[in-house]
Amino acid sequence: MNDISISFMVYGPVSKKDMAVIAYAIHDEMGLDGRLIIENVDVSRGWNIQWLFDSSIDPEPIVELIEEGLEHLKLEYKFYGVLGGENSV
C-alpha cells in the first residue's frame, strides 16, 4: 500500500504551533492523523511541507482543509500536488 503525499511550499516563518493547528483541524474534522515532513529549502525560498496519509483516503478535502489553515494563519503558500495513492505505480 502506497502513502499519499500532499505537498506545499510555504514562504515566510513557519512554527511548530502553526503546523499543530493544522494537524489538529485535520484530526478534529476528518479523524485522520498524518505524518508531517518539513524541510527548509533555503531562507529565500521557504519551507517544503509534506503531509503523508494512508492511500485509501480522498486527498481533496484534506488539501482544502490545509489551504484553509494556511490562509487562516496568514501564511503565503503554493500547493505543489498530491503524489502516490492506490493507483500509483
Protein backbone atom coordinates (compact mmCIF):
# COMPACT_ATOMS: atom_id res chain seq x y z
CA MET A 1 0.00 0.00 0.00
CA ASN A 2 1.34 3.42 -1.02
CA ASP A 3 1.01 6.55 1.06
CA ILE A 4 -0.38 9.77 -0.34
CA SER A 5 1.93 12.77 -0.12
CA ILE A 6 0.30 16.22 -0.15
CA SER A 7 2.96 18.85 -0.83
CA PHE A 8 3.04 22.60 -0.25
CA MET A 9 5.71 25.27 -0.36
CA VAL A 10 5.24 27.79 2.46
CA TYR A 11 7.01 31.15 2.33
CA GLY A 12 7.99 33.02 5.47
CA PRO A 13 8.38 31.87 9.05
CA VAL A 14 6.55 28.66 9.97
CA SER A 15 6.32 27.46 13.55
CA LYS A 16 5.59 24.07 15.08
CA LYS A 17 2.48 25.70 16.57
CA ASP A 18 1.27 26.64 13.07
CA MET A 19 1.56 23.05 11.88
CA ALA A 20 -0.01 21.75 15.11
CA VAL A 21 -3.06 23.95 14.48
CA ILE A 22 -3.49 22.42 11.01
CA ALA A 23 -2.86 18.88 12.28
CA TYR A 24 -5.49 19.39 14.98
CA ALA A 25 -8.01 20.59 12.38
CA ILE A 26 -7.37 17.54 10.18
CA HIS A 27 -7.80 15.21 13.15
CA ASP A 28 -10.84 17.07 14.53
CA GLU A 29 -12.67 17.49 11.21
CA MET A 30 -11.75 14.21 9.50
CA GLY A 31 -10.48 11.89 12.21
CA LEU A 32 -7.18 11.47 10.37
CA ASP A 33 -3.64 11.52 11.69
CA GLY A 34 -1.00 12.15 9.07
CA ARG A 35 2.76 12.29 9.27
CA LEU A 36 4.37 15.64 8.62
CA ILE A 37 7.71 16.34 6.94
CA ILE A 38 9.04 19.90 6.98
CA GLU A 39 12.19 20.80 5.08
CA ASN A 40 13.74 24.26 4.97
CA VAL A 41 14.68 24.67 1.32
CA ASP A 42 16.58 27.90 1.99
CA VAL A 43 15.92 31.24 3.63
CA SER A 44 14.76 32.95 0.44
CA ARG A 45 12.61 30.10 -0.90
CA GLY A 46 10.79 28.90 2.21
CA TRP A 47 9.66 25.55 3.55
CA ASN A 48 8.67 22.38 1.72
CA ILE A 49 5.88 20.81 3.76
CA GLN A 50 4.55 17.33 3.06
CA TRP A 51 1.63 15.64 4.78
CA LEU A 52 1.59 11.84 4.45
CA PHE A 53 -1.62 9.85 4.75
CA ASP A 54 -2.81 6.32 4.08
CA SER A 55 -3.56 5.78 0.40
CA SER A 56 -7.20 4.80 0.99
CA ILE A 57 -8.32 8.38 1.67
CA ASP A 58 -9.56 11.02 -0.76
CA PRO A 59 -6.91 13.77 -0.66
CA GLU A 60 -9.09 16.61 -2.00
CA PRO A 61 -10.86 17.52 1.29
CA ILE A 62 -7.52 17.36 3.14
CA VAL A 63 -5.90 19.71 0.61
CA GLU A 64 -8.80 22.15 1.06
CA LEU A 65 -8.50 21.98 4.87
CA ILE A 66 -4.73 22.56 4.78
CA GLU A 67 -5.22 25.53 2.44
CA GLU A 68 -7.87 26.98 4.78
CA GLY A 69 -5.46 26.57 7.70
CA LEU A 70 -2.56 28.22 5.89
CA GLU A 71 -4.81 31.11 4.87
CA HIS A 72 -6.16 31.44 8.43
CA LEU A 73 -2.57 31.61 9.70
CA LYS A 74 -1.85 34.24 7.01
CA LEU A 75 0.95 32.15 5.52
CA GLU A 76 1.83 32.57 1.85
CA TYR A 77 1.93 29.18 0.13
CA LYS A 78 1.83 27.29 -3.13
CA PHE A 79 0.16 23.89 -3.48
CA TYR A 80 2.51 21.52 -5.34
CA GLY A 81 0.26 18.50 -5.65
CA VAL A 82 -0.61 15.01 -4.49
CA LEU A 83 1.65 12.05 -5.14
CA GLY A 84 1.01 8.39 -4.50
CA GLY A 85 -2.13 6.56 -3.59
CA GLU A 86 -3.78 3.31 -4.52
CA ASN A 87 -3.47 3.91 -8.27
CA SER A 88 0.24 4.81 -8.13
CA VAL A 89 2.90 2.68 -9.68
